[in-house]
Protein backbone atom coordinates (compact mmCIF):
# COMPACT_ATOMS: atom_id res chain seq x y z
CA MET A 1 -0.08 -0.17 0.50
CA ILE A 2 1.26 3.53 -1.26
CA THR A 3 0.99 5.89 1.56
CA GLY A 4 3.06 9.02 0.21
CA LYS A 5 5.02 9.69 3.17
CA ASN A 6 8.47 9.94 3.39
CA ILE A 7 10.79 6.66 5.35
CA ILE A 8 13.30 8.30 7.72
CA GLY A 9 14.84 4.93 9.13
CA PHE A 10 12.18 3.11 11.31
CA ALA A 11 9.67 6.05 11.19
CA VAL A 12 7.11 7.01 8.25
CA VAL A 13 6.54 10.56 8.35
CA ALA A 14 4.53 13.34 6.52
CA GLU A 15 5.00 16.65 8.22
CA GLY A 16 4.89 19.04 5.03
CA THR A 17 2.15 20.56 3.55
CA GLU A 18 3.49 20.63 -0.16
CA ALA A 19 3.36 17.45 -2.40
CA ILE A 20 4.12 15.50 -5.62
CA ARG A 21 2.28 13.36 -7.58
CA ALA A 22 3.38 10.76 -10.10
CA TYR A 23 2.70 10.67 -13.86
CA ASP A 24 1.85 7.88 -16.37
CA PRO A 25 3.22 8.84 -19.54
CA VAL A 26 1.46 6.26 -21.55
CA SER A 27 -1.80 7.31 -20.91
CA ASN A 28 -1.00 11.03 -19.94
CA VAL A 29 -2.57 11.40 -16.80
CA GLN A 30 -1.57 12.34 -13.30
CA LEU A 31 -1.71 8.95 -10.80
CA PRO A 32 -3.81 9.51 -8.14
CA GLU A 33 -1.61 9.51 -4.86
CA THR A 34 0.31 12.44 -3.32
CA PHE A 35 3.41 12.30 -2.14
CA ALA A 36 4.61 14.35 0.96
CA VAL A 37 7.46 16.70 -0.06
CA ALA A 38 10.17 16.46 2.81
CA THR A 39 11.01 19.52 5.01
CA THR A 40 13.76 20.88 6.49
CA ALA A 41 13.02 18.95 9.76
CA GLU A 42 12.51 15.89 8.19
CA VAL A 43 16.16 16.00 6.12
CA ASN A 44 17.91 16.92 9.31
CA LEU A 45 16.07 14.00 11.27
CA ALA A 46 16.91 11.70 8.06
CA VAL A 47 21.13 12.38 8.34
CA SER A 48 21.02 12.69 12.12
CA LYS A 49 19.66 9.20 12.54
CA ALA A 50 21.82 7.92 9.73
CA ALA A 51 25.07 9.37 11.48
CA THR A 52 23.79 7.62 14.35
CA ALA A 53 23.57 4.29 12.64
CA PHE A 54 26.76 4.76 10.95
CA LYS A 55 28.61 4.06 14.42
CA THR A 56 26.95 0.87 14.88
CA TYR A 57 26.76 0.10 11.37
CA ARG A 58 30.38 0.11 10.32
CA LEU A 59 30.78 -2.63 12.96
CA THR A 60 28.82 -4.86 11.68
CA THR A 61 30.43 -8.16 10.30
CA PRO A 62 30.41 -8.92 6.42
CA GLU A 63 28.60 -11.55 7.32
CA GLN A 64 25.59 -9.72 8.49
CA ARG A 65 25.53 -7.22 6.14
CA ALA A 66 25.20 -9.86 3.33
CA VAL A 67 22.28 -11.32 5.19
CA PHE A 68 20.92 -7.83 5.20
CA LEU A 69 21.40 -7.20 1.17
CA GLU A 70 20.08 -10.67 0.83
CA THR A 71 16.73 -9.86 2.79
CA ILE A 72 16.24 -6.84 0.72
CA ALA A 73 16.31 -9.11 -2.32
CA THR A 74 13.66 -11.11 -0.87
CA GLU A 75 11.32 -8.05 0.30
CA ILE A 76 11.63 -6.79 -3.23
CA LEU A 77 10.54 -10.28 -4.77
CA ALA A 78 7.72 -10.28 -1.88
CA LEU A 79 6.12 -7.29 -3.49
CA GLY A 80 5.02 -9.20 -6.36
CA ASP A 81 3.09 -7.74 -9.13
CA PRO A 82 2.16 -4.60 -7.63
CA LEU A 83 5.45 -3.47 -7.93
CA LEU A 84 5.69 -3.99 -11.29
CA GLU A 85 2.59 -2.48 -12.27
CA ARG A 86 3.18 0.28 -10.38
CA THR A 87 6.81 0.76 -12.19
CA VAL A 88 4.98 0.39 -15.61
CA ALA A 89 2.78 3.26 -14.59
CA GLU A 90 5.17 5.37 -13.82
CA SER A 91 7.76 5.03 -16.48
CA GLY A 92 5.90 3.54 -19.94
CA LEU A 93 8.62 1.10 -19.90
CA PRO A 94 6.86 -2.49 -20.84
CA LEU A 95 6.34 -4.82 -18.31
CA GLY A 96 9.13 -7.15 -20.06
CA ARG A 97 11.53 -4.83 -19.43
CA ILE A 98 10.73 -3.71 -15.75
CA THR A 99 10.35 -7.90 -14.76
CA GLY A 100 13.85 -8.27 -15.93
CA GLU A 101 15.35 -4.91 -14.05
CA ARG A 102 13.71 -6.21 -11.15
CA MET A 103 15.56 -9.50 -11.47
CA ARG A 104 18.99 -7.46 -12.08
CA THR A 105 18.25 -5.43 -8.97
CA VAL A 106 17.64 -8.45 -6.81
CA SER A 107 20.95 -9.76 -8.66
CA GLN A 108 23.31 -6.69 -7.97
CA LEU A 109 22.47 -7.36 -3.82
CA ARG A 110 23.28 -10.55 -4.04
CA LEU A 111 26.62 -10.17 -6.05
CA PHE A 112 27.53 -7.50 -3.16
CA ALA A 113 26.62 -10.02 -0.65
CA SER A 114 28.86 -12.62 -2.13
CA ILE A 115 31.53 -9.76 -2.28
CA LEU A 116 31.46 -9.39 1.20
CA ARG A 117 31.68 -13.35 2.11
CA GLU A 118 34.53 -13.27 -0.55
CA GLY A 119 36.16 -10.49 1.04
CA SER A 120 39.04 -9.23 -0.64
CA TRP A 121 37.71 -6.06 -1.89
CA VAL A 122 38.73 -4.31 1.60
CA GLU A 123 42.41 -4.51 0.05
CA ALA A 124 44.00 -5.58 3.22
CA VAL A 125 47.77 -4.93 3.23
CA ILE A 126 50.02 -5.95 5.84
CA ASP A 127 53.83 -5.07 6.04
CA PRO A 128 54.86 -6.92 9.26
CA ALA A 129 57.12 -5.23 12.13
CA GLN A 130 61.05 -5.78 11.43
CA PRO A 131 62.70 -4.96 14.80
CA ASP A 132 65.96 -5.75 13.63
CA ARG A 133 65.99 -4.39 10.28
CA THR A 134 69.24 -2.26 9.55
CA PRO A 135 69.94 0.86 9.53
CA LEU A 136 66.34 1.26 10.58
CA PRO A 137 63.74 -1.17 12.00
CA ARG A 138 60.19 -1.30 10.83
CA ALA A 139 56.94 -0.41 12.29
CA ASP A 140 53.88 -2.79 11.99
CA ILE A 141 51.82 -1.24 9.02
CA ARG A 142 48.42 -2.71 8.43
CA LYS A 143 45.97 -1.01 6.05
CA MET A 144 42.54 -1.71 4.75
CA LEU A 145 39.50 0.41 3.23
CA VAL A 146 36.55 1.36 5.53
CA PRO A 147 33.33 2.89 4.98
CA LEU A 148 33.08 6.83 4.78
CA GLY A 149 29.52 7.72 6.61
CA PRO A 150 26.20 8.54 5.46
CA VAL A 151 25.66 8.51 1.82
CA LEU A 152 23.68 10.27 -0.36
CA VAL A 153 22.01 8.16 -3.41
CA PHE A 154 20.16 10.17 -6.69
CA PRO A 155 18.27 7.83 -8.44
CA ALA A 156 18.12 7.50 -12.24
CA SER A 157 15.05 8.28 -14.41
CA ASN A 158 15.64 5.66 -16.79
CA PHE A 159 16.14 2.80 -14.45
CA PRO A 160 13.28 2.63 -12.00
CA LEU A 161 14.68 -0.45 -10.23
CA ALA A 162 18.36 -1.54 -10.97
CA PHE A 163 19.85 2.29 -10.52
CA SER A 164 17.21 3.85 -8.34
CA THR A 165 16.30 3.39 -4.69
CA ALA A 166 17.81 -0.03 -4.09
CA GLY A 167 20.51 0.17 -7.38
CA GLY A 168 23.70 -0.31 -7.67
CA ASP A 169 24.96 2.86 -5.52
CA THR A 170 22.58 1.71 -2.22
CA ALA A 171 23.54 -1.53 -2.77
CA SER A 172 27.33 -1.07 -2.97
CA ALA A 173 27.48 2.04 -0.10
CA LEU A 174 25.33 -0.51 2.16
CA ALA A 175 27.66 -3.32 1.49
CA ALA A 176 30.85 -1.27 2.42
CA GLY A 177 29.28 -0.31 6.00
CA ASN A 178 27.63 3.00 5.21
CA PRO A 179 23.80 4.02 5.77
CA VAL A 180 22.00 5.64 2.86
CA ILE A 181 19.52 8.31 2.26
CA VAL A 182 17.64 8.13 -1.13
CA LYS A 183 16.54 11.40 -2.57
CA ALA A 184 13.20 9.65 -4.51
CA HIS A 185 13.37 10.20 -8.32
CA GLU A 186 10.05 12.79 -9.18
CA SER A 187 9.16 10.29 -11.93
CA HIS A 188 8.27 7.42 -9.83
CA PRO A 189 7.84 7.75 -6.16
CA GLY A 190 5.31 5.22 -6.20
CA THR A 191 8.22 2.81 -6.87
CA ASN A 192 10.63 4.32 -4.36
CA GLU A 193 7.86 3.92 -1.78
CA LEU A 194 7.38 0.46 -2.36
CA ILE A 195 10.94 -0.13 -2.56
CA ALA A 196 12.00 1.53 0.40
CA THR A 197 8.93 -0.32 2.42
CA ALA A 198 11.07 -3.43 1.39
CA ILE A 199 14.34 -2.23 2.46
CA LEU A 200 12.56 -0.97 5.82
CA LYS A 201 11.29 -4.37 6.45
CA ALA A 202 14.62 -6.14 5.80
CA ALA A 203 16.44 -3.76 8.38
CA GLN A 204 14.30 -4.26 10.86
CA GLN A 205 14.42 -8.12 10.29
CA CYS A 206 18.27 -8.40 10.69
CA GLY A 207 18.64 -6.37 13.49
CA MET A 208 20.10 -2.92 11.83
CA PRO A 209 20.19 0.33 13.67
CA ASP A 210 17.73 2.93 13.32
CA GLY A 211 18.79 4.88 10.28
CA VAL A 212 20.52 2.78 8.18
CA PHE A 213 18.25 3.92 5.17
CA SER A 214 16.05 6.20 4.80
CA SER A 215 14.18 7.82 1.51
CA LEU A 216 13.18 11.46 1.33
CA THR A 217 11.01 12.85 -1.72
CA GLY A 218 11.05 16.57 -2.95
CA ALA A 219 10.54 18.62 -6.11
CA GLY A 220 12.78 20.10 -8.30
CA PRO A 221 16.71 20.70 -7.07
CA ALA A 222 15.94 21.98 -3.57
CA LEU A 223 15.50 18.97 -1.62
CA GLY A 224 18.60 17.70 -3.43
CA GLN A 225 20.72 20.63 -2.94
CA GLN A 226 19.57 20.95 0.80
CA LEU A 227 21.05 17.33 1.11
CA VAL A 228 24.19 17.76 -0.79
CA LYS A 229 25.05 20.66 1.43
CA HIS A 230 24.35 18.61 4.56
CA PRO A 231 27.49 18.18 6.83
CA GLY A 232 26.28 14.82 7.66
CA ILE A 233 26.44 13.57 4.11
CA ARG A 234 29.99 12.19 3.66
CA ALA A 235 29.38 11.03 -0.49
CA ILE A 236 27.33 10.89 -2.95
CA GLY A 237 26.32 8.62 -5.90
CA PHE A 238 24.69 10.07 -8.64
CA THR A 239 23.14 8.71 -12.27
CA GLY A 240 21.40 11.69 -14.33
CA SER A 241 22.12 14.43 -17.01
CA PHE A 242 25.18 16.74 -17.33
CA LYS A 243 23.19 19.56 -15.67
CA ALA A 244 22.36 18.11 -12.60
CA GLY A 245 25.58 16.23 -12.20
CA THR A 246 27.51 19.55 -12.45
CA ALA A 247 25.44 21.10 -10.51
CA ILE A 248 25.65 18.63 -7.51
CA PHE A 249 29.66 18.33 -8.08
CA ASP A 250 29.68 22.01 -7.70
CA ALA A 251 27.84 22.67 -4.71
CA VAL A 252 29.90 19.97 -3.18
CA THR A 253 32.80 21.94 -3.85
CA GLN A 254 31.26 25.06 -1.74
CA ARG A 255 30.86 22.83 1.39
CA PRO A 256 33.66 23.66 4.12
CA GLU A 257 34.79 19.94 3.49
CA PRO A 258 34.04 18.90 0.18
CA ILE A 259 33.41 15.31 -0.18
CA PRO A 260 33.55 12.46 -2.70
CA VAL A 261 30.88 12.93 -5.48
CA TYR A 262 30.45 9.65 -7.85
CA ALA A 263 28.31 11.29 -10.78
CA GLU A 264 27.49 9.17 -13.83
CA MET A 265 25.87 12.01 -16.03
CA GLY A 266 25.35 10.51 -19.78
CA SER A 267 27.69 9.95 -23.29
CA ILE A 268 27.35 9.94 -26.91
CA ASN A 269 29.35 6.86 -26.91
CA PRO A 270 31.16 6.73 -30.25
CA VAL A 271 31.44 4.21 -32.85
CA LEU A 272 33.86 3.93 -35.34
CA LEU A 273 32.48 2.84 -38.35
CA LEU A 274 36.00 1.31 -40.27
CA PRO A 275 35.97 0.53 -43.88
CA ALA A 276 36.48 -3.30 -44.47
CA LYS A 277 33.54 -3.87 -41.98
CA LEU A 278 31.36 -1.56 -43.96
CA ALA A 279 32.20 -3.20 -46.98
CA ALA A 280 31.77 -6.73 -45.81
CA SER A 281 28.54 -6.39 -43.91
CA GLY A 282 27.29 -2.91 -43.75
CA ALA A 283 23.50 -3.78 -43.81
CA THR A 284 23.63 -6.05 -41.28
CA VAL A 285 25.78 -3.23 -39.15
CA ALA A 286 22.82 -0.76 -40.23
CA LYS A 287 20.32 -3.39 -38.82
CA GLN A 288 21.93 -4.08 -35.65
CA TYR A 289 22.97 -0.33 -34.87
CA ALA A 290 19.14 0.88 -35.69
CA GLN A 291 17.82 -1.43 -32.66
CA SER A 292 20.42 -0.46 -30.55
CA ILE A 293 19.87 3.50 -31.00
CA THR A 294 16.10 3.12 -30.40
CA LEU A 295 16.49 0.37 -27.82
CA GLY A 296 14.49 1.48 -24.59
CA THR A 297 13.66 4.47 -26.99
CA GLY A 298 17.20 5.56 -27.03
CA GLN A 299 16.81 6.27 -22.90
CA PHE A 300 19.76 4.34 -22.21
CA CYS A 301 23.22 5.97 -20.74
CA THR A 302 25.52 3.75 -23.33
CA ASN A 303 23.13 4.93 -26.34
CA PRO A 304 25.27 4.98 -29.75
CA GLY A 305 24.62 8.34 -30.48
CA LEU A 306 27.99 9.03 -32.52
CA LEU A 307 28.71 7.44 -35.20
CA ILE A 308 32.35 8.02 -37.47
CA ALA A 309 33.18 6.59 -40.66
CA LEU A 310 35.46 7.14 -43.72
CA ALA A 311 33.71 8.75 -46.97
CA ASP A 312 33.07 6.26 -49.30
CA GLU A 313 30.30 4.43 -51.19
CA ALA A 314 30.32 1.20 -48.30
CA THR A 315 29.45 4.28 -45.80
CA ALA A 316 27.06 5.73 -47.93
CA GLN A 317 25.11 2.42 -48.54
CA PHE A 318 25.48 2.11 -44.66
CA ALA A 319 23.48 5.73 -44.10
CA ALA A 320 21.09 4.48 -46.76
CA ALA A 321 20.29 1.22 -44.67
CA LEU A 322 20.35 2.69 -41.30
CA GLN A 323 18.00 5.39 -42.50
CA GLN A 324 15.82 2.98 -43.89
CA GLU A 325 15.76 0.69 -41.00
CA LEU A 326 15.28 3.33 -38.24
CA SER A 327 12.39 4.75 -40.31
CA ALA A 328 10.69 1.19 -39.87
CA ILE A 329 10.55 1.63 -36.14
CA ALA A 330 7.60 3.08 -34.65
CA ALA A 331 8.01 5.87 -31.85
CA GLY A 332 8.18 4.82 -28.36
CA THR A 333 6.96 6.16 -24.98
CA MET A 334 9.51 8.15 -23.07
CA LEU A 335 9.94 8.37 -19.67
CA ASN A 336 8.09 11.56 -18.50
CA PRO A 337 6.98 14.50 -20.65
CA GLY A 338 10.28 16.83 -19.68
CA ILE A 339 12.53 14.37 -21.25
CA CYS A 340 10.31 13.86 -24.07
CA TYR A 341 10.25 17.63 -24.57
CA HIS A 342 14.08 17.91 -24.26
CA TYR A 343 14.42 15.45 -26.72
CA TYR A 344 12.83 17.26 -29.03
CA GLU A 345 14.09 20.57 -28.49
CA ASN A 346 17.93 18.99 -28.55
CA ARG A 347 17.26 17.55 -31.88
CA GLU A 348 15.60 20.24 -33.53
CA GLN A 349 19.00 22.40 -32.29
CA LEU A 350 21.29 19.51 -33.47
CA SER A 351 19.44 20.13 -37.01
CA ARG A 352 20.27 23.42 -37.12
CA ARG A 353 24.07 23.25 -36.27
CA LYS A 354 26.30 24.43 -39.18
CA GLY A 355 26.96 21.35 -41.79
CA VAL A 356 24.33 19.16 -40.24
CA GLU A 357 22.16 16.86 -42.93
CA THR A 358 18.91 15.67 -41.52
CA LEU A 359 18.51 12.04 -43.11
CA LEU A 360 15.43 11.02 -41.12
CA ALA A 361 13.71 12.88 -38.35
CA GLY A 362 10.59 11.18 -37.43
CA ASP A 363 7.25 12.64 -36.38
CA ALA A 364 7.10 14.61 -33.23
CA GLY A 365 5.11 13.19 -31.07
CA ALA A 366 5.62 15.22 -27.53
CA ALA A 367 1.89 15.49 -26.94
CA GLN A 368 1.68 11.96 -26.84
CA THR A 369 5.14 11.77 -24.68
CA LYS A 370 6.40 9.45 -27.61
CA GLY A 371 10.33 9.82 -29.10
CA SER A 372 10.83 9.10 -32.91
CA PRO A 373 14.09 7.93 -34.61
CA ALA A 374 15.90 10.33 -36.12
CA LEU A 375 19.41 10.42 -37.95
CA TYR A 376 21.51 13.23 -38.85
CA ARG A 377 25.28 13.37 -41.12
CA VAL A 378 28.07 15.91 -40.77
CA HIS A 379 31.11 15.92 -42.41
CA ALA A 380 34.36 15.57 -39.84
CA LYS A 381 35.73 19.38 -40.57
CA ASP A 382 32.39 21.12 -38.94
CA PHE A 383 32.13 18.44 -36.32
CA ILE A 384 35.49 19.43 -35.41
CA ALA A 385 34.78 23.37 -35.48
CA SER A 386 31.57 22.98 -32.93
CA ASP A 387 31.56 21.54 -29.84
CA GLU A 388 28.06 21.60 -29.54
CA LEU A 389 27.62 18.49 -31.68
CA GLN A 390 28.60 16.48 -29.11
CA GLN A 391 26.00 17.43 -26.34
CA GLU A 392 23.83 14.38 -25.91
CA VAL A 393 20.60 14.04 -27.49
CA PHE A 394 18.61 11.76 -25.10
CA GLY A 395 16.40 9.59 -27.12
CA PRO A 396 16.40 7.79 -30.48
CA ALA A 397 18.82 9.76 -32.38
CA ALA A 398 22.41 9.62 -33.63
CA LEU A 399 24.40 11.66 -35.76
CA LEU A 400 26.65 10.00 -38.50
CA VAL A 401 30.36 12.07 -38.70
CA VAL A 402 31.68 11.16 -41.95
CA CYS A 403 35.58 11.59 -42.55
CA GLN A 404 37.40 12.53 -45.80
CA ASP A 405 40.83 10.42 -44.71
CA ASP A 406 42.21 8.31 -42.01
CA ALA A 407 43.85 11.53 -40.69
CA GLN A 408 40.51 13.67 -40.45
CA LEU A 409 39.34 10.18 -38.56
CA GLN A 410 41.92 10.76 -35.80
CA ALA A 411 41.50 14.16 -35.42
CA VAL A 412 38.02 13.85 -34.80
CA LEU A 413 38.48 10.93 -32.33
CA THR A 414 40.95 13.90 -30.69
CA GLN A 415 38.41 16.02 -30.23
CA LEU A 416 36.14 13.71 -28.54
CA HIS A 417 34.91 14.27 -24.95
CA GLY A 418 35.26 11.56 -22.28
CA GLN A 419 32.72 8.78 -22.92
CA LEU A 420 31.52 5.78 -21.22
CA THR A 421 31.70 3.73 -24.11
CA GLY A 422 33.72 3.48 -27.27
CA THR A 423 32.99 1.02 -29.67
CA ILE A 424 35.36 -0.31 -32.87
CA MET A 425 33.39 -2.19 -35.77
CA ALA A 426 36.19 -3.71 -37.85
CA GLU A 427 37.61 -6.90 -39.51
CA THR A 428 41.08 -7.79 -39.22
CA ALA A 429 42.20 -5.69 -41.94
CA ASP A 430 41.11 -2.48 -40.22
CA LEU A 431 42.62 -3.55 -37.03
CA GLN A 432 46.37 -2.60 -38.12
CA ARG A 433 45.73 0.45 -40.45
CA PHE A 434 43.45 2.17 -37.72
CA SER A 435 45.59 0.83 -34.70
CA ASP A 436 46.53 4.48 -34.32
CA ALA A 437 43.19 5.91 -33.99
CA ILE A 438 41.86 2.75 -32.13
CA THR A 439 44.51 3.84 -29.36
CA VAL A 440 43.04 7.38 -29.49
CA LEU A 441 39.57 6.06 -29.15
CA THR A 442 40.48 3.92 -25.74
CA GLU A 443 41.83 7.27 -24.29
CA LYS A 444 38.82 8.82 -24.35
CA VAL A 445 36.50 6.01 -22.56
CA GLY A 446 36.09 3.60 -20.02
CA ARG A 447 34.72 0.38 -21.65
CA VAL A 448 35.70 -0.38 -25.61
CA ILE A 449 33.57 -2.45 -27.15
CA PHE A 450 34.75 -4.69 -30.32
CA ASN A 451 31.72 -5.76 -33.21
CA ASN A 452 28.86 -5.28 -30.76
CA VAL A 453 27.02 -2.76 -29.44
CA PRO A 454 27.62 -0.90 -26.47
CA THR A 455 23.44 -0.73 -25.18
CA GLY A 456 24.11 -3.23 -22.41
CA VAL A 457 25.84 -3.09 -19.16
CA GLU A 458 26.78 -6.79 -17.35
CA PRO A 459 26.91 -6.00 -13.73
CA GLY A 460 29.73 -8.44 -12.88
CA TYR A 461 33.14 -8.13 -11.57
CA ALA A 462 35.17 -7.24 -14.50
CA MET A 463 32.39 -4.74 -15.61
CA HIS A 464 33.75 -1.12 -15.70
CA HIS A 465 30.64 1.85 -16.26
CA GLY A 466 32.70 5.03 -16.13
CA GLY A 467 34.87 7.07 -18.09
CA PRO A 468 36.63 10.39 -18.17
CA PHE A 469 34.86 13.62 -17.41
CA PRO A 470 31.75 15.13 -18.66
CA ALA A 471 30.68 11.42 -18.75
CA THR A 472 31.75 11.20 -14.95
CA THR A 473 33.02 12.94 -12.10
CA ASP A 474 35.84 10.60 -11.32
CA ILE A 475 37.42 8.47 -14.03
CA ARG A 476 38.62 5.85 -11.61
CA SER A 477 35.17 4.81 -10.60
CA THR A 478 32.38 2.13 -11.74
CA SER A 479 28.76 2.79 -10.91
CA VAL A 480 28.18 -0.92 -12.05
CA GLY A 481 29.82 -4.48 -10.89
CA ALA A 482 31.69 -5.23 -7.91
CA SER A 483 34.19 -2.30 -7.86
CA ALA A 484 31.53 0.02 -7.34
CA ILE A 485 31.58 -0.66 -3.54
CA VAL A 486 35.26 0.78 -3.47
CA ARG A 487 33.68 4.24 -4.08
CA PHE A 488 31.84 4.25 -0.91
CA ALA A 489 35.31 3.28 1.19
CA ARG A 490 38.49 4.78 2.28
CA PRO A 491 42.16 3.55 3.43
CA LEU A 492 42.98 3.47 6.83
CA CYS A 493 46.05 2.78 8.10
CA TYR A 494 46.82 1.28 11.32
CA GLN A 495 50.62 1.49 12.70
CA ASP A 496 51.99 -0.59 15.58
CA TRP A 497 48.23 -1.44 16.76
CA PRO A 498 47.23 -3.34 19.81
CA PRO A 499 46.59 -6.80 18.07
CA HIS A 500 43.12 -7.60 19.69
CA LEU A 501 41.85 -4.19 18.82
CA LEU A 502 42.85 -4.71 15.30
CA PRO A 503 39.90 -5.05 12.76
CA GLU A 504 39.52 -8.92 11.88
CA ALA A 505 40.93 -8.34 8.12
CA LEU A 506 44.07 -7.48 9.53
CA LYS A 507 44.20 -9.75 12.35
CA ASP A 508 47.22 -12.44 12.47
CA ASP A 509 45.67 -15.32 12.33
CA ASN A 510 43.39 -13.69 9.46
CA PRO A 511 40.00 -15.04 11.01
CA LEU A 512 37.95 -13.87 7.90
CA GLY A 513 39.88 -16.21 5.72
CA ILE A 514 40.30 -13.66 2.88
CA TRP A 515 43.26 -12.83 0.29
CA ARG A 516 45.65 -10.08 1.63
CA ARG A 517 48.64 -9.07 0.59
CA LEU A 518 51.45 -9.56 3.34
CA ASP A 519 55.28 -8.30 2.90
CA GLY A 520 53.95 -7.70 -0.84
CA GLN A 521 52.48 -11.43 -1.79
CA LEU A 522 49.02 -12.07 -1.88
CA THR A 523 48.12 -14.97 0.12
CA LYS A 524 45.38 -16.31 3.06
CA ASP A 525 48.28 -16.93 5.25
CA ALA A 526 48.38 -16.16 8.64
CA VAL A 527 50.99 -13.39 10.15
CA ARG A 528 54.34 -15.41 11.57
CA SER A 529 55.27 -14.16 14.32
């Protein structure tokens, strides 16, 4: 049952008089429930509870936190069809997509439970004392990762489950030992409340401290900015637009004590279409990329929005084939009216840029919150001259950049901003000829893909979902996969510490049985006296 109230630790409250409502982008109607906007007092209570909870939650064992995450997963599944139905209503995404996303959310929680049990994520390092070393003895020095404190999470609009209330940011922050405060996304407040209730139940069942999790609702940027500037917040996870992400980052730099901001802000995900590949299978590649460009109505942070190729007959044929494939794909429902409006506004601005040719512009469907495919072409010299052509058009649109020669192609790649992904579509013959260009592309991205599409991110151990600015605010971090946990931890070094007071991960006998670096070597062995 949806109450429209804020969840602050174990309390469910609604003290304010302001409220928001959710919107169904398929039916183009507001949903009936109202959701109370959090007051300043509620914000302060949530942060205060989180700070108090941190004192005990940080000391929970890896097994206790693993069970907590698994219990959250169980409670999410127990919500059943009402969760799926509500998420579909608030996002316009099809039931099959949401069903799969629910399982991805559950799988992420279980993944971090496994990471906790395996234990090596803490990066335990031990340099035992060498009192007899000459000319100077060595102290006993040990280091590991420890949690930061209360983490603020901003969910994404395009993944209302997997990148949202119990998504990767929340799961990894809780796994690392940090309380979490979620600023509910305005597009899916009902979905948020259902998931937040599941987390609340799991926290109570597992004996977690009051304040280990809170969820607050707000309208516009006011609540987010209030939370970002609150001195009790120790780190931030964000998934969304460049404008919102940089606003959060800028606000944090103005704090008396800046904190880490891990903002994933989208990308145009360049695709390098090399000539031998297009000559051999251009029609197949066109079909493949038409599906990728329009997947989820183009509302993926890994949507291939930039295609780069040489000016030749194979590229001309590819462009014609891609145009035909895209024209056969019907307009799809977008996540909310604002996203739909900006999609058409941004693609119209793109079409008016110098040198840009419109190959396809499907009928505008803003009134019905539907986004139609679009394809544009520009010569490399105009692309290089206009930084605006690198702005993301969030939706089912792509820009084809045509280069006169190899040198111009490399110049285009050199000009690129930081990206989440870069893709190379190539035959063996292309790889040697364009090896320098491929090297340049790898320097611009967080994930490089060969002969596939960038859409689709596997939340496993090897995945890196990040990239150089402006794709993210921290080139070293990932928001997907096992390594996401280290964002919300910091190194702490213990020197000559009493053995009985050391954390379990650093004790001589290795009671957790984890991999540690002992005198420079990875081992599970105990420290020999």
